[in-house]
N, C-alpha and C. Protein backbone atom coordinates (compact mmCIF):
# COMPACT_ATOMS: atom_id res chain seq x y z
N MET A 1 -9.10 31.32 35.14
CA MET A 1 -9.64 30.50 34.45
C MET A 1 -10.34 29.41 35.30
N PRO A 2 -11.55 29.02 34.75
CA PRO A 2 -12.39 28.24 35.73
C PRO A 2 -11.43 26.70 35.99
N PRO A 3 -11.53 26.23 37.23
CA PRO A 3 -10.82 25.16 37.63
C PRO A 3 -11.21 23.81 36.55
N LEU A 4 -12.35 23.78 36.26
CA LEU A 4 -12.45 22.65 35.15
C LEU A 4 -11.81 22.80 33.99
N LEU A 5 -11.73 24.02 33.36
CA LEU A 5 -11.04 24.22 32.15
C LEU A 5 -9.47 24.20 32.16
N ALA A 6 -9.04 24.58 33.47
CA ALA A 6 -7.53 24.47 33.90
C ALA A 6 -7.20 23.00 33.80
N SER A 7 -7.98 22.19 34.52
CA SER A 7 -7.79 20.82 34.56
C SER A 7 -7.83 20.16 33.30
N ALA A 8 -8.78 20.58 32.34
CA ALA A 8 -9.05 19.88 31.12
C ALA A 8 -7.96 20.19 30.06
N SER A 9 -7.31 21.38 30.12
CA SER A 9 -6.52 21.94 28.95
C SER A 9 -5.46 20.82 29.04
N PRO A 10 -4.57 20.64 29.98
CA PRO A 10 -3.37 19.54 29.75
C PRO A 10 -3.87 18.25 29.27
N ALA A 11 -4.98 17.71 29.77
CA ALA A 11 -5.57 16.40 29.24
C ALA A 11 -5.83 16.66 27.61
N PHE A 12 -6.67 17.70 27.33
CA PHE A 12 -6.75 17.91 25.90
C PHE A 12 -5.63 17.85 25.15
N ALA A 13 -4.66 18.69 25.70
CA ALA A 13 -3.17 18.83 24.90
C ALA A 13 -2.63 17.54 24.78
N ALA A 14 -2.68 16.55 25.77
CA ALA A 14 -2.14 15.32 25.67
C ALA A 14 -2.95 14.54 24.48
N PHE A 15 -4.03 14.73 24.71
CA PHE A 15 -5.08 13.82 23.62
C PHE A 15 -4.67 14.17 22.24
N ILE A 16 -4.59 15.62 22.11
CA ILE A 16 -4.26 16.15 20.52
C ILE A 16 -3.11 15.75 20.17
N GLN A 17 -1.91 15.55 21.17
CA GLN A 17 -0.65 15.25 20.68
C GLN A 17 -0.56 13.75 20.41
N GLY A 18 -1.28 13.03 21.11
CA GLY A 18 -1.49 11.57 20.74
C GLY A 18 -2.07 11.28 19.47
N LEU A 19 -3.17 11.96 19.18
CA LEU A 19 -4.10 12.06 17.91
C LEU A 19 -3.14 12.52 16.85
N ALA A 20 -2.46 13.50 16.86
CA ALA A 20 -1.59 14.14 15.84
C ALA A 20 -0.54 13.11 15.55
N LEU A 21 0.27 12.55 16.45
CA LEU A 21 1.27 11.57 16.15
C LEU A 21 0.83 10.42 15.63
N SER A 22 -0.33 9.88 16.07
CA SER A 22 -0.77 8.43 15.47
C SER A 22 -1.24 8.78 14.04
N LEU A 23 -1.81 10.05 13.75
CA LEU A 23 -2.19 10.10 12.45
C LEU A 23 -1.06 10.53 11.50
N GLY A 24 0.14 11.10 11.99
CA GLY A 24 1.03 11.38 11.11
C GLY A 24 1.74 9.98 10.91
N LEU A 25 1.75 9.02 11.65
CA LEU A 25 2.46 7.97 11.36
C LEU A 25 1.58 6.96 10.51
N ILE A 26 0.28 7.01 10.78
CA ILE A 26 -0.61 5.82 10.18
C ILE A 26 -0.95 6.44 8.50
N VAL A 27 -1.11 7.76 8.51
CA VAL A 27 -1.55 8.30 7.20
C VAL A 27 -0.30 8.25 6.04
N ALA A 28 -0.22 7.14 5.48
CA ALA A 28 0.90 6.97 4.50
C ALA A 28 0.64 5.92 3.48
N ILE A 29 1.06 5.91 2.46
CA ILE A 29 0.93 4.65 1.37
C ILE A 29 1.47 3.56 1.84
N GLY A 30 0.50 2.28 2.04
CA GLY A 30 1.24 1.10 2.37
C GLY A 30 0.22 0.12 2.12
N ALA A 31 0.57 -1.20 2.35
CA ALA A 31 0.01 -2.40 2.15
C ALA A 31 -1.35 -2.42 2.94
N GLN A 32 -1.23 -2.01 4.21
CA GLN A 32 -2.29 -2.17 5.25
C GLN A 32 -3.34 -1.32 4.84
N ASN A 33 -3.20 0.10 4.43
CA ASN A 33 -4.29 1.00 3.96
C ASN A 33 -4.79 0.59 2.75
N ALA A 34 -3.86 -0.03 1.85
CA ALA A 34 -4.58 -0.42 0.60
C ALA A 34 -5.52 -1.45 0.64
N PHE A 35 -5.08 -2.42 1.57
CA PHE A 35 -5.97 -3.57 1.97
C PHE A 35 -7.19 -3.00 2.60
N VAL A 36 -7.22 -2.09 3.48
CA VAL A 36 -8.51 -1.68 4.13
C VAL A 36 -9.36 -0.81 3.24
N LEU A 37 -8.65 -0.10 2.16
CA LEU A 37 -9.33 0.56 1.03
C LEU A 37 -10.06 -0.38 0.31
N ARG A 38 -9.23 -1.35 -0.21
CA ARG A 38 -9.88 -2.31 -1.16
C ARG A 38 -11.15 -3.05 -0.67
N GLN A 39 -11.03 -3.51 0.84
CA GLN A 39 -12.21 -4.20 1.31
C GLN A 39 -13.20 -3.24 1.24
N GLY A 40 -13.04 -1.82 1.70
CA GLY A 40 -14.11 -1.00 1.75
C GLY A 40 -14.93 -0.76 0.56
N LEU A 41 -13.90 -0.62 -0.68
CA LEU A 41 -14.62 -0.74 -2.08
C LEU A 41 -15.41 -1.99 -2.37
N ARG A 42 -14.88 -3.05 -1.90
CA ARG A 42 -15.76 -4.23 -2.01
C ARG A 42 -16.54 -4.71 -1.15
N ARG A 43 -16.71 -3.76 0.05
CA ARG A 43 -17.87 -3.86 1.07
C ARG A 43 -17.84 -5.37 1.61
N GLU A 44 -16.56 -5.74 1.82
CA GLU A 44 -16.38 -7.10 2.57
C GLU A 44 -15.92 -6.91 3.80
N HIS A 45 -16.67 -7.55 4.90
CA HIS A 45 -16.36 -7.48 6.40
C HIS A 45 -15.43 -6.36 6.67
N VAL A 46 -15.93 -5.15 6.36
CA VAL A 46 -15.23 -3.78 6.63
C VAL A 46 -15.35 -3.51 8.25
N GLY A 47 -16.51 -3.88 8.81
CA GLY A 47 -16.40 -3.56 10.14
C GLY A 47 -15.37 -4.49 11.12
N SER A 48 -15.24 -5.82 10.70
CA SER A 48 -14.17 -6.63 11.35
C SER A 48 -12.97 -6.09 11.02
N ILE A 49 -12.57 -5.86 9.78
CA ILE A 49 -11.12 -5.47 9.50
C ILE A 49 -10.93 -4.13 10.19
N VAL A 50 -11.76 -3.05 10.09
CA VAL A 50 -11.41 -1.84 10.70
C VAL A 50 -11.13 -2.07 12.31
N LEU A 51 -12.04 -2.66 12.87
CA LEU A 51 -11.84 -2.99 14.27
C LEU A 51 -10.61 -3.64 14.62
N PHE A 52 -10.25 -4.84 13.87
CA PHE A 52 -9.02 -5.43 14.16
C PHE A 52 -7.78 -4.63 14.12
N CYS A 53 -7.62 -3.55 12.89
CA CYS A 53 -6.69 -2.94 12.81
C CYS A 53 -6.61 -1.74 13.91
N ALA A 54 -7.66 -1.24 14.29
CA ALA A 54 -7.67 -0.25 15.16
C ALA A 54 -7.19 -0.69 16.66
N ALA A 55 -7.93 -1.90 16.87
CA ALA A 55 -7.58 -2.46 18.18
C ALA A 55 -6.23 -2.84 18.28
N ALA A 56 -5.60 -3.51 17.14
CA ALA A 56 -4.27 -3.95 17.32
C ALA A 56 -3.38 -2.67 17.42
N ASP A 57 -3.69 -1.49 16.89
CA ASP A 57 -2.82 -0.39 17.05
C ASP A 57 -3.06 0.11 18.42
N ALA A 58 -4.14 0.04 19.12
CA ALA A 58 -4.38 0.52 20.56
C ALA A 58 -3.67 -0.35 21.43
N VAL A 59 -3.77 -1.54 21.22
CA VAL A 59 -2.92 -2.64 22.12
C VAL A 59 -1.34 -2.23 21.90
N LEU A 60 -0.90 -2.13 20.81
CA LEU A 60 0.56 -2.13 20.71
C LEU A 60 1.02 -0.57 21.28
N MET A 61 0.11 0.28 21.18
CA MET A 61 0.60 1.96 21.46
C MET A 61 0.45 1.85 23.17
N THR A 62 -0.61 1.23 23.59
CA THR A 62 -0.75 1.10 25.19
C THR A 62 0.39 0.26 25.75
N ALA A 63 0.74 -0.81 25.11
CA ALA A 63 1.98 -1.65 25.78
C ALA A 63 3.14 -0.66 25.52
N GLY A 64 3.34 -0.13 24.51
CA GLY A 64 4.47 0.89 24.07
C GLY A 64 4.61 1.78 25.41
N VAL A 65 3.52 2.76 25.65
CA VAL A 65 3.58 3.53 26.67
C VAL A 65 3.61 2.87 28.05
N LEU A 66 2.92 1.97 28.38
CA LEU A 66 3.07 1.31 29.81
C LEU A 66 4.54 0.66 29.73
N GLY A 67 4.80 -0.28 28.85
CA GLY A 67 6.15 -0.85 28.71
C GLY A 67 7.35 0.02 28.80
N MET A 68 7.26 1.08 28.36
CA MET A 68 8.48 2.18 28.28
C MET A 68 8.42 2.91 29.86
N GLU A 69 7.28 3.03 30.33
CA GLU A 69 7.03 3.48 31.75
C GLU A 69 7.81 2.48 32.59
N GLN A 70 7.46 1.22 32.52
CA GLN A 70 8.20 0.16 33.21
C GLN A 70 9.55 0.05 33.20
N ALA A 71 9.94 0.25 31.90
CA ALA A 71 11.41 0.22 31.57
C ALA A 71 12.27 1.22 32.01
N LEU A 72 11.69 2.44 31.99
CA LEU A 72 12.38 3.68 32.23
C LEU A 72 12.48 3.85 33.97
N GLY A 73 11.29 3.64 34.43
CA GLY A 73 11.41 3.94 35.89
C GLY A 73 11.91 4.95 36.27
N ALA A 74 12.53 5.07 37.23
CA ALA A 74 13.42 6.34 37.95
C ALA A 74 14.74 6.75 37.01
N ARG A 75 14.76 6.84 35.71
CA ARG A 75 15.70 7.01 34.87
C ARG A 75 15.55 8.40 34.15
N PRO A 76 15.66 9.22 34.80
CA PRO A 76 15.30 10.71 34.04
C PRO A 76 16.34 10.94 33.00
N GLY A 77 17.60 10.50 33.25
CA GLY A 77 18.76 10.69 32.03
C GLY A 77 18.17 10.01 30.79
N LEU A 78 17.58 8.62 31.10
CA LEU A 78 17.25 7.97 29.92
C LEU A 78 16.00 8.60 29.15
N VAL A 79 15.07 9.22 30.08
CA VAL A 79 13.81 9.73 29.50
C VAL A 79 14.15 10.92 28.64
N ARG A 80 15.07 11.54 29.30
CA ARG A 80 15.48 12.89 28.34
C ARG A 80 16.38 12.55 27.00
N ALA A 81 16.99 11.48 27.14
CA ALA A 81 17.64 10.83 25.87
C ALA A 81 16.56 10.57 24.85
N LEU A 82 15.66 9.87 25.38
CA LEU A 82 14.40 9.32 24.52
C LEU A 82 13.80 10.42 23.73
N ALA A 83 13.66 11.60 24.64
CA ALA A 83 13.05 12.73 24.05
C ALA A 83 13.78 13.19 22.72
N LEU A 84 15.04 13.35 23.00
CA LEU A 84 15.73 13.80 22.12
C LEU A 84 15.91 12.74 20.71
N ALA A 85 15.79 11.47 21.02
CA ALA A 85 15.86 10.40 19.93
C ALA A 85 14.75 10.60 19.32
N GLY A 86 13.31 10.77 19.95
CA GLY A 86 12.10 10.80 19.35
C GLY A 86 12.17 11.83 18.47
N ALA A 87 12.68 12.96 19.02
CA ALA A 87 12.63 14.34 18.20
C ALA A 87 13.46 14.26 16.85
N ALA A 88 14.64 13.44 16.97
CA ALA A 88 15.36 13.32 15.95
C ALA A 88 14.83 12.45 14.84
N PHE A 89 13.94 11.29 15.27
CA PHE A 89 13.17 10.50 14.45
C PHE A 89 12.18 11.08 13.85
N LEU A 90 11.45 11.92 14.58
CA LEU A 90 10.30 12.74 13.91
C LEU A 90 10.82 13.66 13.01
N THR A 91 11.98 14.19 13.33
CA THR A 91 12.45 15.34 12.28
C THR A 91 12.66 14.41 10.89
N VAL A 92 13.38 13.45 11.09
CA VAL A 92 13.85 12.69 9.91
C VAL A 92 12.53 12.07 9.21
N TYR A 93 11.50 11.66 9.78
CA TYR A 93 10.33 11.12 9.30
C TYR A 93 9.61 12.45 8.64
N GLY A 94 9.58 13.54 9.22
CA GLY A 94 8.97 14.81 8.82
C GLY A 94 9.46 15.16 7.42
N LEU A 95 11.09 15.15 7.36
CA LEU A 95 11.73 15.53 6.26
C LEU A 95 11.37 14.38 5.07
N LYS A 96 11.30 13.30 5.45
CA LYS A 96 10.85 12.26 4.10
C LYS A 96 9.55 12.50 3.85
N ALA A 97 8.79 12.91 4.76
CA ALA A 97 7.18 13.11 4.25
C ALA A 97 7.26 14.47 3.29
N LEU A 98 7.93 15.54 3.80
CA LEU A 98 7.97 16.74 2.96
C LEU A 98 8.71 16.51 1.68
N ARG A 99 9.62 15.47 1.62
CA ARG A 99 10.38 15.07 0.46
C ARG A 99 9.34 14.28 -0.56
N ARG A 100 8.57 13.39 0.18
CA ARG A 100 7.66 12.79 -0.65
C ARG A 100 6.62 13.67 -1.26
N ALA A 101 6.35 14.84 -0.62
CA ALA A 101 5.31 15.62 -1.08
C ALA A 101 5.82 16.35 -2.51
N ARG A 102 7.02 16.37 -2.65
CA ARG A 102 7.48 16.79 -3.97
C ARG A 102 7.18 16.05 -5.15
N HIS A 103 7.04 14.71 -4.91
CA HIS A 103 6.95 13.80 -6.15
C HIS A 103 5.31 13.24 -6.25
N SER A 104 4.99 12.78 -7.12
CA SER A 104 3.75 12.32 -7.49
C SER A 104 3.72 10.73 -7.43
N HIS A 105 2.64 10.40 -6.68
CA HIS A 105 2.43 8.90 -6.18
C HIS A 105 0.95 8.94 -6.01
N ALA A 106 0.48 7.66 -6.03
CA ALA A 106 -0.80 7.37 -5.84
C ALA A 106 -1.17 5.85 -5.06
N LEU A 107 -2.47 5.74 -4.37
CA LEU A 107 -2.51 4.56 -3.90
C LEU A 107 -3.41 3.75 -4.67
N THR A 108 -3.08 2.35 -4.98
CA THR A 108 -3.81 1.71 -5.73
C THR A 108 -4.32 0.30 -5.19
N THR A 109 -5.38 -0.24 -5.44
CA THR A 109 -5.95 -1.55 -4.68
C THR A 109 -6.35 -2.54 -5.89
N THR A 110 -5.34 -2.85 -6.71
CA THR A 110 -5.84 -3.79 -7.69
C THR A 110 -5.36 -5.20 -7.49
N ALA A 111 -4.51 -5.30 -6.43
CA ALA A 111 -3.95 -6.64 -5.92
C ALA A 111 -5.14 -7.73 -5.53
N GLY A 112 -5.13 -8.81 -5.63
CA GLY A 112 -6.00 -9.74 -5.26
C GLY A 112 -7.72 -9.33 -5.33
N GLU A 113 -8.11 -9.50 -6.45
CA GLU A 113 -9.38 -9.10 -6.60
C GLU A 113 -10.56 -10.14 -6.28
N SER A 114 -10.10 -11.40 -5.78
CA SER A 114 -11.25 -12.51 -5.34
C SER A 114 -11.61 -12.11 -4.21
N GLY A 115 -12.76 -12.52 -3.90
CA GLY A 115 -13.41 -12.35 -2.72
C GLY A 115 -12.98 -13.19 -1.44
N LEU A 116 -13.00 -12.68 -0.23
CA LEU A 116 -12.54 -13.20 0.81
C LEU A 116 -13.36 -13.66 1.78
N GLY A 117 -13.20 -14.77 2.47
CA GLY A 117 -14.13 -15.12 3.73
C GLY A 117 -13.83 -14.12 5.03
N LYS A 118 -14.74 -14.15 5.84
CA LYS A 118 -14.38 -13.16 7.17
C LYS A 118 -13.01 -13.60 7.61
N GLY A 119 -12.88 -14.80 7.92
CA GLY A 119 -11.53 -15.24 8.60
C GLY A 119 -10.37 -15.11 7.80
N ALA A 120 -10.53 -15.12 6.38
CA ALA A 120 -9.12 -15.05 5.67
C ALA A 120 -8.96 -13.35 5.37
N ALA A 121 -10.00 -12.49 5.56
CA ALA A 121 -9.98 -11.19 5.36
C ALA A 121 -9.28 -10.54 6.67
N VAL A 122 -9.48 -11.23 7.88
CA VAL A 122 -9.09 -10.57 9.05
C VAL A 122 -7.55 -11.28 9.14
N ALA A 123 -7.38 -12.31 8.66
CA ALA A 123 -5.92 -13.06 8.59
C ALA A 123 -5.16 -12.14 7.98
N GLN A 124 -5.56 -11.62 6.76
CA GLN A 124 -4.70 -10.74 5.98
C GLN A 124 -4.49 -9.61 6.59
N ALA A 125 -5.50 -8.93 7.22
CA ALA A 125 -5.40 -7.71 7.99
C ALA A 125 -4.27 -7.92 9.03
N ALA A 126 -4.46 -9.16 9.95
CA ALA A 126 -3.50 -9.33 10.85
C ALA A 126 -1.90 -9.28 10.35
N ALA A 127 -1.91 -10.00 9.19
CA ALA A 127 -0.42 -10.15 8.63
C ALA A 127 -0.02 -8.78 7.99
N PHE A 128 -0.81 -7.93 7.52
CA PHE A 128 -0.33 -6.60 7.10
C PHE A 128 0.09 -5.87 8.39
N THR A 129 -0.69 -5.80 9.44
CA THR A 129 -0.44 -5.04 10.63
C THR A 129 0.72 -5.72 11.49
N LEU A 130 0.82 -7.01 11.60
CA LEU A 130 1.48 -7.60 12.62
C LEU A 130 3.12 -8.08 12.00
N LEU A 131 2.98 -8.41 10.82
CA LEU A 131 4.30 -8.79 10.07
C LEU A 131 5.11 -7.64 9.56
N ASN A 132 4.63 -6.36 9.81
CA ASN A 132 5.45 -5.21 9.20
C ASN A 132 6.22 -4.61 10.31
N PRO A 133 7.55 -4.91 10.49
CA PRO A 133 8.23 -4.38 11.39
C PRO A 133 8.34 -2.89 11.86
N HIS A 134 7.90 -1.97 10.85
CA HIS A 134 7.70 -0.66 10.92
C HIS A 134 6.61 -0.59 12.05
N VAL A 135 5.53 -1.38 12.28
CA VAL A 135 4.52 -0.93 13.24
C VAL A 135 5.03 -1.10 14.46
N TYR A 136 5.99 -1.95 14.92
CA TYR A 136 6.62 -2.01 16.25
C TYR A 136 7.53 -0.77 16.53
N LEU A 137 8.23 -0.34 15.42
CA LEU A 137 8.80 1.00 15.51
C LEU A 137 7.97 2.14 15.92
N ASP A 138 7.01 2.19 15.08
CA ASP A 138 6.18 3.43 15.22
C ASP A 138 5.20 3.33 16.68
N THR A 139 4.59 2.13 16.77
CA THR A 139 3.63 2.11 17.84
C THR A 139 4.20 2.00 19.22
N VAL A 140 5.08 0.86 19.29
CA VAL A 140 5.64 0.40 20.66
C VAL A 140 6.83 1.51 20.90
N LEU A 141 7.80 1.45 20.11
CA LEU A 141 8.87 2.31 20.31
C LEU A 141 8.69 3.90 20.38
N LEU A 142 8.19 4.22 19.18
CA LEU A 142 7.96 5.77 19.14
C LEU A 142 7.11 6.46 19.94
N VAL A 143 5.70 5.68 19.73
CA VAL A 143 4.78 6.32 20.49
C VAL A 143 4.73 6.06 21.97
N GLY A 144 5.50 4.80 22.28
CA GLY A 144 5.57 4.55 23.70
C GLY A 144 6.75 5.62 24.38
N SER A 145 7.85 5.86 23.54
CA SER A 145 8.83 6.83 24.11
C SER A 145 8.31 8.22 24.33
N ILE A 146 7.46 8.56 23.23
CA ILE A 146 6.91 10.12 23.32
C ILE A 146 5.66 10.04 24.38
N GLY A 147 5.06 8.87 24.37
CA GLY A 147 3.91 8.86 25.41
C GLY A 147 4.46 9.10 27.14
N THR A 148 5.61 8.31 27.28
CA THR A 148 6.30 8.45 28.60
C THR A 148 6.60 9.87 28.80
N GLN A 149 6.91 10.71 27.86
CA GLN A 149 7.23 12.16 28.24
C GLN A 149 6.06 12.77 29.02
N GLN A 150 4.66 12.18 28.54
CA GLN A 150 3.67 13.20 29.28
C GLN A 150 3.68 12.86 30.80
N PRO A 151 3.24 13.71 31.60
CA PRO A 151 3.11 13.35 32.96
C PRO A 151 2.04 11.98 33.25
N ALA A 152 2.46 11.36 34.39
CA ALA A 152 1.79 9.87 34.53
C ALA A 152 0.09 10.08 34.37
N GLN A 153 -0.36 11.33 34.99
CA GLN A 153 -1.93 11.30 34.98
C GLN A 153 -2.39 11.77 33.47
N LEU A 154 -1.55 12.00 32.75
CA LEU A 154 -2.09 12.53 31.09
C LEU A 154 -1.73 11.19 30.26
N ARG A 155 -1.01 10.26 30.67
CA ARG A 155 -0.82 9.15 29.64
C ARG A 155 -1.82 8.48 28.99
N GLY A 156 -3.13 8.46 29.85
CA GLY A 156 -4.31 7.85 29.29
C GLY A 156 -4.98 8.61 28.24
N TRP A 157 -4.74 10.20 28.35
CA TRP A 157 -5.30 10.93 27.28
C TRP A 157 -4.47 10.93 26.03
N PHE A 158 -3.04 10.71 26.30
CA PHE A 158 -2.29 10.64 25.03
C PHE A 158 -2.78 9.14 24.32
N ILE A 159 -2.74 8.13 25.12
CA ILE A 159 -3.14 6.82 24.21
C ILE A 159 -4.43 6.81 23.76
N ALA A 160 -5.51 7.46 24.62
CA ALA A 160 -6.81 7.70 24.00
C ALA A 160 -6.66 8.44 22.57
N GLY A 161 -6.00 9.48 22.56
CA GLY A 161 -5.81 10.43 21.34
C GLY A 161 -5.27 9.47 20.18
N ALA A 162 -4.38 8.90 20.39
CA ALA A 162 -3.68 8.08 19.48
C ALA A 162 -4.52 6.72 19.21
N SER A 163 -5.30 6.41 19.96
CA SER A 163 -6.22 5.09 19.58
C SER A 163 -7.46 5.65 18.81
N VAL A 164 -8.02 6.91 19.07
CA VAL A 164 -8.97 7.32 18.32
C VAL A 164 -8.57 7.87 16.94
N ALA A 165 -7.46 8.39 16.77
CA ALA A 165 -6.80 8.58 15.56
C ALA A 165 -6.80 7.11 14.65
N SER A 166 -6.25 6.23 15.11
CA SER A 166 -6.38 5.14 14.50
C SER A 166 -7.69 4.39 13.93
N LEU A 167 -8.50 4.45 14.79
CA LEU A 167 -10.00 4.09 14.61
C LEU A 167 -10.55 5.04 13.62
N GLY A 168 -10.43 6.25 13.90
CA GLY A 168 -10.95 7.28 12.93
C GLY A 168 -10.40 6.98 11.33
N TRP A 169 -9.08 7.02 11.30
CA TRP A 169 -8.48 6.64 9.98
C TRP A 169 -9.01 5.30 9.28
N PHE A 170 -8.81 4.29 10.01
CA PHE A 170 -9.42 3.14 9.40
C PHE A 170 -10.70 3.05 8.96
N GLY A 171 -11.55 3.48 10.07
CA GLY A 171 -13.04 3.85 9.75
C GLY A 171 -13.36 4.70 8.33
N LEU A 172 -12.52 5.72 8.23
CA LEU A 172 -12.38 6.47 7.12
C LEU A 172 -12.19 5.86 5.85
N LEU A 173 -11.22 4.97 5.82
CA LEU A 173 -10.66 4.13 4.83
C LEU A 173 -11.65 3.20 4.41
N GLY A 174 -12.30 2.27 5.46
CA GLY A 174 -13.01 1.40 5.10
C GLY A 174 -14.58 1.76 4.64
N TYR A 175 -15.09 2.80 5.41
CA TYR A 175 -16.64 3.09 5.21
C TYR A 175 -16.51 4.37 4.25
N GLY A 176 -15.64 5.09 4.01
CA GLY A 176 -15.58 6.15 3.19
C GLY A 176 -14.91 5.68 1.76
N ALA A 177 -14.44 4.24 1.56
CA ALA A 177 -13.72 3.96 0.46
C ALA A 177 -14.39 4.42 -0.96
N ARG A 178 -15.66 4.24 -0.99
CA ARG A 178 -16.21 4.60 -2.34
C ARG A 178 -15.91 5.96 -2.88
N TRP A 179 -16.16 6.91 -1.75
CA TRP A 179 -15.90 8.36 -1.88
C TRP A 179 -14.49 8.67 -1.99
N LEU A 180 -13.66 7.91 -1.28
CA LEU A 180 -12.20 8.34 -1.14
C LEU A 180 -11.47 7.97 -2.19
N ALA A 181 -11.84 6.73 -2.68
CA ALA A 181 -10.93 6.03 -3.65
C ALA A 181 -10.50 6.91 -4.96
N PRO A 182 -11.34 7.71 -5.33
CA PRO A 182 -10.98 8.62 -6.62
C PRO A 182 -9.90 9.78 -6.27
N TRP A 183 -10.21 10.17 -4.92
CA TRP A 183 -9.32 11.15 -4.31
C TRP A 183 -8.14 10.78 -4.14
N PHE A 184 -7.94 9.40 -3.43
CA PHE A 184 -6.65 8.89 -3.28
C PHE A 184 -5.91 8.39 -4.61
N ALA A 185 -6.64 8.38 -5.53
CA ALA A 185 -5.79 7.85 -6.81
C ALA A 185 -5.23 9.14 -7.40
N ARG A 186 -5.48 10.34 -6.89
CA ARG A 186 -4.85 11.58 -7.60
C ARG A 186 -3.62 11.62 -6.81
N PRO A 187 -2.51 11.83 -7.58
CA PRO A 187 -1.19 12.02 -6.94
C PRO A 187 -1.01 13.35 -6.13
N ARG A 188 -1.81 14.25 -6.61
CA ARG A 188 -1.84 15.52 -5.75
C ARG A 188 -2.36 15.52 -4.39
N ALA A 189 -3.33 14.78 -4.26
CA ALA A 189 -3.95 14.46 -2.81
C ALA A 189 -3.06 13.97 -1.92
N TRP A 190 -2.10 13.07 -2.48
CA TRP A 190 -1.26 12.44 -1.50
C TRP A 190 0.02 13.33 -1.29
N GLN A 191 0.18 14.16 -2.22
CA GLN A 191 1.47 15.24 -1.95
C GLN A 191 0.81 16.20 -0.75
N ILE A 192 -0.27 16.69 -0.91
CA ILE A 192 -1.03 17.44 0.20
C ILE A 192 -0.71 16.86 1.49
N LEU A 193 -1.35 15.34 1.54
CA LEU A 193 -1.25 14.57 2.79
C LEU A 193 0.16 14.47 3.40
N ASP A 194 1.31 14.30 2.53
CA ASP A 194 2.53 14.02 2.94
C ASP A 194 2.95 15.46 3.38
N GLY A 195 2.73 16.51 2.84
CA GLY A 195 3.04 17.78 3.31
C GLY A 195 2.54 18.18 4.65
N LEU A 196 1.31 17.79 4.90
CA LEU A 196 0.61 18.05 6.21
C LEU A 196 1.36 16.96 7.20
N VAL A 197 1.60 15.92 6.88
CA VAL A 197 2.21 14.83 7.83
C VAL A 197 3.67 15.48 8.04
N GLY A 198 4.29 15.83 7.10
CA GLY A 198 5.58 16.40 7.28
C GLY A 198 5.63 17.46 8.45
N LEU A 199 4.70 18.43 8.10
CA LEU A 199 4.58 19.67 9.21
C LEU A 199 4.46 19.09 10.27
N THR A 200 3.38 18.30 10.63
CA THR A 200 3.02 17.82 12.04
C THR A 200 4.27 17.03 12.78
N MET A 201 4.91 16.12 11.88
CA MET A 201 6.10 15.73 12.50
C MET A 201 6.97 16.69 13.07
N MET A 202 7.41 17.69 12.37
CA MET A 202 8.00 18.69 12.58
C MET A 202 7.66 19.46 13.75
N VAL A 203 6.38 19.82 14.05
CA VAL A 203 5.92 20.45 15.08
C VAL A 203 6.16 19.66 16.40
N LEU A 204 5.70 18.20 16.22
CA LEU A 204 5.92 17.38 17.51
C LEU A 204 7.38 17.46 17.75
N ALA A 205 8.10 17.32 16.97
CA ALA A 205 9.69 17.02 17.23
C ALA A 205 10.19 18.42 17.96
N THR A 206 9.64 19.59 17.47
CA THR A 206 9.85 20.92 18.20
C THR A 206 9.46 21.08 19.65
N LEU A 207 8.23 20.20 19.86
CA LEU A 207 7.61 20.22 21.01
C LEU A 207 8.63 19.26 22.18
N LEU A 208 9.20 18.34 21.52
CA LEU A 208 9.98 17.42 22.34
C LEU A 208 11.32 18.04 22.84
N VAL A 209 11.74 18.88 21.76
CA VAL A 209 13.17 19.63 21.76
C VAL A 209 12.71 20.64 23.03
N LEU A 210 11.71 21.51 23.01
CA LEU A 210 11.12 22.27 24.06
C LEU A 210 11.24 21.63 25.45
N ARG A 211 10.55 20.45 25.38
CA ARG A 211 10.42 19.78 26.74
C ARG A 211 11.75 19.34 27.13
N PHE A 212 12.66 18.98 26.61
CA PHE A 212 13.96 18.60 26.92
C PHE A 212 14.72 19.81 27.39
N LEU A 213 14.68 20.91 26.72
CA LEU A 213 15.27 22.16 27.20
C LEU A 213 14.76 22.62 28.57
N ARG A 214 13.50 22.39 28.99
CA ARG A 214 12.89 22.76 30.15
C ARG A 214 13.59 21.67 31.21
N TRP A 215 13.92 20.49 30.95
CA TRP A 215 14.32 19.51 32.00
C TRP A 215 15.91 19.74 32.27
N THR A 216 16.64 20.71 31.38
CA THR A 216 18.03 20.81 31.49
C THR A 216 18.49 22.19 32.29
C-alpha cells in the first residue's frame, strides 16, 4: 500500500467513526430537530440557527474529547473501563432505537407558529440545545469517552467527523425542510431511520469491545 494511503486509512476510519456516532446520536425525534425543521419550513433565520446548533455540538464534543483526555491522563485502567461503559451505553441506545423502529411515530412542527426575530430564534435554539441534559451525556461524556479511545494523532479526525455529521444534519433539516417535511411526517420513514441508528450503534459498540479485548 502506498505510504499516503496507509497513513490516510486510520485517519479516515477515525473520521467515519466520529461521523457515524454523531449521526446516530443526533438523528432522533426531539424538540431541537423539530425547531430547526420548523424554522426551515418558515425560512426564518435558517443559517443562524443551523450554524449555532452545529457550532454548539462541535464545541461540546471537542471539550468532551479533550477534557476526557486531560481527566484520564495516564490511567489505562480507567480508559478500558470507559470503553466497556461506552459499549454498554451504545448497546442500550441501539436496542432502544431498534425497539422504536417497531412502532409508528412522526415528527411534527406545529408548536409556536408566530414569526420570531433573529435573536429570539437563536435564543430558542440555544435553549433546545443547552438546556437538554441529554446533550451533555451524548456530546461531552459519550463522544468524549469514545473519542479518547482513538490514538492521540487521530482524535482531531474523530472530532472533525462528528462535527461534520452535526453540521450536515442540521443543514439538511434547515435547508431541506420543505422537501423533508412530508417524508418526516411518515411514520415508516422514522422506523427506517431508527433501524439504521440502532444497527450503527450496535456496530460501534462491537468495535469498542474488540478494542478492549486487544488491550487485555
